[in-house]
Amino acid sequence: MLKVFLDANVYFVGFSSRTGASALVLEIARRQKIAVYAARFVLREADRNLRKKSTPANLKSFRRYVQNVKIHVVPFPKEETTQPYEDDLHLKDLPVLGAALESKADYLLSLDKKHLLTSRLTHRVKKLNIMSPGDFLTNVYRRGKI
């Protein structure tokens, strides 16, 4: 089974809009077609953003999802994991990349085009495929790799 690490923005968008790639990735995970990985700080960020910027119903749906879907929670990453990428990545996003690397995920899905979805970073990180949920659906799911 493919291991997929989801950034907080995937949860936020997926629960704020029931259509679109993020929502579909979350549904694929709910059906146990992929193994989902996240760090506790990522889940807290998604919860906080849904609480502040979305509706109570969306927050409730997210919290129910976290309780009912098997999410492999990984610890905060070690500094030696993130240190090689300090020049390539915003300080706030280093732990996301580090946690995804330490989880040994096959994919890191994010909507952060400014920091995580840069060609420099995606070419530099060899042990992890970094892409948007839409690219994941196009290049992996719809091609039958799941």
C-alpha atoms as a PDB file:
ATOM      1  CA  MET A   1       0.000   0.000   0.000  1.00  0.00           C
ATOM      2  CA  LEU A   2       1.297   3.464  -0.840  1.00  0.00           C
ATOM      3  CA  LYS A   3       2.259   5.645   2.098  1.00  0.00           C
ATOM      4  CA  VAL A   4       1.065   9.239   1.765  1.00  0.00           C
ATOM      5  CA  PHE A   5       1.905  12.103   4.134  1.00  0.00           C
ATOM      6  CA  LEU A   6      -0.701  14.883   4.045  1.00  0.00           C
ATOM      7  CA  ASP A   7       0.085  18.507   4.794  1.00  0.00           C
ATOM      8  CA  ALA A   8      -2.378  20.514   6.915  1.00  0.00           C
ATOM      9  CA  ASN A   9      -3.617  22.478   3.908  1.00  0.00           C
ATOM     10  CA  VAL A  10      -4.859  19.256   2.263  1.00  0.00           C
ATOM     11  CA  TYR A  11      -7.071  18.563   5.281  1.00  0.00           C
ATOM     12  CA  PHE A  12      -8.248  22.184   5.385  1.00  0.00           C
ATOM     13  CA  VAL A  13      -9.199  22.347   1.711  1.00  0.00           C
ATOM     14  CA  GLY A  14     -10.584  18.811   1.672  1.00  0.00           C
ATOM     15  CA  PHE A  15     -12.973  19.562   4.519  1.00  0.00           C
ATOM     16  CA  SER A  16     -13.791  23.105   3.427  1.00  0.00           C
ATOM     17  CA  SER A  17     -14.823  21.938  -0.035  1.00  0.00           C
ATOM     18  CA  ARG A  18     -16.275  18.480  -0.572  1.00  0.00           C
ATOM     19  CA  THR A  19     -15.266  18.545  -4.221  1.00  0.00           C
ATOM     20  CA  GLY A  20     -11.779  18.688  -5.616  1.00  0.00           C
ATOM     21  CA  ALA A  21      -8.600  16.715  -5.376  1.00  0.00           C
ATOM     22  CA  SER A  22      -7.990  17.150  -1.637  1.00  0.00           C
ATOM     23  CA  ALA A  23     -11.448  15.826  -0.776  1.00  0.00           C
ATOM     24  CA  LEU A  24     -10.965  12.880  -3.122  1.00  0.00           C
ATOM     25  CA  VAL A  25      -7.578  11.998  -1.590  1.00  0.00           C
ATOM     26  CA  LEU A  26      -9.185  12.032   1.867  1.00  0.00           C
ATOM     27  CA  GLU A  27     -11.943   9.749   0.592  1.00  0.00           C
ATOM     28  CA  ILE A  28      -9.404   7.346  -0.931  1.00  0.00           C
ATOM     29  CA  ALA A  29      -7.672   7.255   2.453  1.00  0.00           C
ATOM     30  CA  ARG A  30     -10.982   6.635   4.222  1.00  0.00           C
ATOM     31  CA  ARG A  31     -11.499   3.636   1.944  1.00  0.00           C
ATOM     32  CA  GLN A  32      -8.022   2.386   2.961  1.00  0.00           C
ATOM     33  CA  LYS A  33      -6.610   2.472  -0.570  1.00  0.00           C
ATOM     34  CA  ILE A  34      -3.605   4.437   0.709  1.00  0.00           C
ATOM     35  CA  ALA A  35      -1.911   4.585   4.089  1.00  0.00           C
ATOM     36  CA  VAL A  36      -2.081   8.103   5.533  1.00  0.00           C
ATOM     37  CA  TYR A  37       0.699   9.606   7.622  1.00  0.00           C
ATOM     38  CA  ALA A  38       0.750  12.887   9.525  1.00  0.00           C
ATOM     39  CA  ALA A  39       2.556  14.510  12.395  1.00  0.00           C
ATOM     40  CA  ARG A  40       0.559  15.652  15.399  1.00  0.00           C
ATOM     41  CA  PHE A  41       1.539  19.285  14.691  1.00  0.00           C
ATOM     42  CA  VAL A  42       0.076  18.963  11.172  1.00  0.00           C
ATOM     43  CA  LEU A  43      -3.236  17.682  12.531  1.00  0.00           C
ATOM     44  CA  ARG A  44      -3.288  20.479  15.133  1.00  0.00           C
ATOM     45  CA  GLU A  45      -2.642  23.077  12.423  1.00  0.00           C
ATOM     46  CA  ALA A  46      -5.476  21.694  10.294  1.00  0.00           C
ATOM     47  CA  ASP A  47      -7.802  21.715  13.306  1.00  0.00           C
ATOM     48  CA  ARG A  48      -6.826  25.283  14.233  1.00  0.00           C
ATOM     49  CA  ASN A  49      -7.268  26.561  10.670  1.00  0.00           C
ATOM     50  CA  LEU A  50     -10.654  24.868  10.280  1.00  0.00           C
ATOM     51  CA  ARG A  51     -11.748  26.303  13.638  1.00  0.00           C
ATOM     52  CA  LYS A  52     -10.667  29.846  12.686  1.00  0.00           C
ATOM     53  CA  LYS A  53     -11.407  29.957   8.953  1.00  0.00           C
ATOM     54  CA  SER A  54     -14.126  27.420   8.200  1.00  0.00           C
ATOM     55  CA  THR A  55     -17.499  26.320   9.553  1.00  0.00           C
ATOM     56  CA  PRO A  56     -18.252  24.371  12.742  1.00  0.00           C
ATOM     57  CA  ALA A  57     -19.664  21.563  10.587  1.00  0.00           C
ATOM     58  CA  ASN A  58     -16.398  21.248   8.645  1.00  0.00           C
ATOM     59  CA  LEU A  59     -14.400  21.198  11.868  1.00  0.00           C
ATOM     60  CA  LYS A  60     -16.674  18.503  13.280  1.00  0.00           C
ATOM     61  CA  SER A  61     -16.296  16.422  10.097  1.00  0.00           C
ATOM     62  CA  PHE A  62     -12.506  16.739  10.294  1.00  0.00           C
ATOM     63  CA  ARG A  63     -12.416  15.680  13.938  1.00  0.00           C
ATOM     64  CA  ARG A  64     -14.652  12.700  13.197  1.00  0.00           C
ATOM     65  CA  TYR A  65     -12.392  11.755  10.273  1.00  0.00           C
ATOM     66  CA  VAL A  66      -9.281  11.852  12.477  1.00  0.00           C
ATOM     67  CA  GLN A  67     -11.010   9.593  15.008  1.00  0.00           C
ATOM     68  CA  ASN A  68     -12.323   7.093  12.473  1.00  0.00           C
ATOM     69  CA  VAL A  69      -9.660   6.878   9.761  1.00  0.00           C
ATOM     70  CA  LYS A  70      -6.368   5.164  10.457  1.00  0.00           C
ATOM     71  CA  ILE A  71      -3.769   7.929  10.386  1.00  0.00           C
ATOM     72  CA  HIS A  72      -0.232   6.903  11.234  1.00  0.00           C
ATOM     73  CA  VAL A  73       0.956   9.700  13.507  1.00  0.00           C
ATOM     74  CA  VAL A  74       4.688  10.311  13.402  1.00  0.00           C
ATOM     75  CA  PRO A  75       6.768  12.319  15.885  1.00  0.00           C
ATOM     76  CA  PHE A  76       8.287  15.734  15.353  1.00  0.00           C
ATOM     77  CA  PRO A  77      11.313  15.229  13.083  1.00  0.00           C
ATOM     78  CA  LYS A  78      14.911  15.220  14.204  1.00  0.00           C
ATOM     79  CA  GLU A  79      17.046  18.230  13.359  1.00  0.00           C
ATOM     80  CA  GLU A  80      19.472  16.094  11.369  1.00  0.00           C
ATOM     81  CA  THR A  81      16.624  15.190   9.024  1.00  0.00           C
ATOM     82  CA  THR A  82      15.644  18.802   8.303  1.00  0.00           C
ATOM     83  CA  GLN A  83      19.079  20.445   8.424  1.00  0.00           C
ATOM     84  CA  PRO A  84      20.106  19.584   4.830  1.00  0.00           C
ATOM     85  CA  TYR A  85      17.054  21.472   3.527  1.00  0.00           C
ATOM     86  CA  GLU A  86      17.324  24.658   5.606  1.00  0.00           C
ATOM     87  CA  ASP A  87      18.490  26.705   2.602  1.00  0.00           C
ATOM     88  CA  ASP A  88      15.716  25.356   0.369  1.00  0.00           C
ATOM     89  CA  LEU A  89      12.674  25.679   2.557  1.00  0.00           C
ATOM     90  CA  HIS A  90      10.867  28.160   4.772  1.00  0.00           C
ATOM     91  CA  LEU A  91      11.531  27.493   8.464  1.00  0.00           C
ATOM     92  CA  LYS A  92       7.815  26.811   9.106  1.00  0.00           C
ATOM     93  CA  ASP A  93       7.754  24.052   6.485  1.00  0.00           C
ATOM     94  CA  LEU A  94      10.936  22.228   7.505  1.00  0.00           C
ATOM     95  CA  PRO A  95       9.126  20.074  10.105  1.00  0.00           C
ATOM     96  CA  VAL A  96       6.530  19.023   7.511  1.00  0.00           C
ATOM     97  CA  LEU A  97       9.225  17.813   5.124  1.00  0.00           C
ATOM     98  CA  GLY A  98      11.186  16.233   7.967  1.00  0.00           C
ATOM     99  CA  ALA A  99       8.194  14.352   9.350  1.00  0.00           C
ATOM    100  CA  ALA A 100       7.287  13.118   5.860  1.00  0.00           C
ATOM    101  CA  LEU A 101      10.854  11.891   5.313  1.00  0.00           C
ATOM    102  CA  GLU A 102      11.038  10.178   8.699  1.00  0.00           C
ATOM    103  CA  SER A 103       7.682   8.492   8.102  1.00  0.00           C
ATOM    104  CA  LYS A 104       9.239   6.893   5.003  1.00  0.00           C
ATOM    105  CA  ALA A 105       6.177   7.983   3.037  1.00  0.00           C
ATOM    106  CA  ASP A 106       6.179   7.523  -0.709  1.00  0.00           C
ATOM    107  CA  TYR A 107       4.434  10.854  -1.259  1.00  0.00           C
ATOM    108  CA  LEU A 108       4.067  14.205   0.475  1.00  0.00           C
ATOM    109  CA  LEU A 109       0.899  15.932  -0.688  1.00  0.00           C
ATOM    110  CA  SER A 110       0.614  19.672  -0.189  1.00  0.00           C
ATOM    111  CA  LEU A 111      -0.980  22.742  -1.724  1.00  0.00           C
ATOM    112  CA  ASP A 112       1.909  25.001  -0.683  1.00  0.00           C
ATOM    113  CA  LYS A 113       3.194  26.141  -4.097  1.00  0.00           C
ATOM    114  CA  LYS A 114       5.370  28.851  -2.593  1.00  0.00           C
ATOM    115  CA  HIS A 115       7.457  26.598  -0.336  1.00  0.00           C
ATOM    116  CA  LEU A 116       6.934  22.845  -0.780  1.00  0.00           C
ATOM    117  CA  LEU A 117       5.895  22.485  -4.402  1.00  0.00           C
ATOM    118  CA  THR A 118       8.968  24.154  -5.860  1.00  0.00           C
ATOM    119  CA  SER A 119      10.997  22.500  -8.599  1.00  0.00           C
ATOM    120  CA  ARG A 120      14.188  23.100  -6.602  1.00  0.00           C
ATOM    121  CA  LEU A 121      12.888  21.161  -3.600  1.00  0.00           C
ATOM    122  CA  THR A 122      11.138  18.419  -5.544  1.00  0.00           C
ATOM    123  CA  HIS A 123      14.350  17.726  -7.481  1.00  0.00           C
ATOM    124  CA  ARG A 124      16.520  17.876  -4.369  1.00  0.00           C
ATOM    125  CA  VAL A 125      14.479  15.465  -2.248  1.00  0.00           C
ATOM    126  CA  LYS A 126      15.084  12.012  -3.705  1.00  0.00           C
ATOM    127  CA  LYS A 127      13.426   9.775  -1.088  1.00  0.00           C
ATOM    128  CA  LEU A 128       9.987  11.355  -1.366  1.00  0.00           C
ATOM    129  CA  ASN A 129       7.671  12.417  -4.170  1.00  0.00           C
ATOM    130  CA  ILE A 130       6.328  15.891  -3.379  1.00  0.00           C
ATOM    131  CA  MET A 131       3.215  16.911  -5.296  1.00  0.00           C
ATOM    132  CA  SER A 132      -0.238  18.410  -5.091  1.00  0.00           C
ATOM    133  CA  PRO A 133      -3.298  16.235  -4.482  1.00  0.00           C
ATOM    134  CA  GLY A 134      -4.373  16.908  -8.064  1.00  0.00           C
ATOM    135  CA  ASP A 135      -1.050  15.710  -9.473  1.00  0.00           C
ATOM    136  CA  PHE A 136      -1.223  12.658  -7.221  1.00  0.00           C
ATOM    137  CA  LEU A 137      -4.656  11.759  -8.585  1.00  0.00           C
ATOM    138  CA  THR A 138      -3.561  12.300 -12.179  1.00  0.00           C
ATOM    139  CA  ASN A 139      -0.152  10.636 -12.015  1.00  0.00           C
ATOM    140  CA  VAL A 140      -0.713   7.892  -9.460  1.00  0.00           C
ATOM    141  CA  TYR A 141      -4.343   7.076  -8.718  1.00  0.00           C
ATOM    142  CA  ARG A 142      -5.813   7.360 -12.203  1.00  0.00           C
ATOM    143  CA  ARG A 143      -2.910   5.434 -13.703  1.00  0.00           C
ATOM    144  CA  GLY A 144      -3.789   2.464 -11.510  1.00  0.00           C
ATOM    145  CA  LYS A 145      -0.722   2.603  -9.280  1.00  0.00           C
ATOM    146  CA  ILE A 146      -2.886   2.174  -6.199  1.00  0.00           C
END
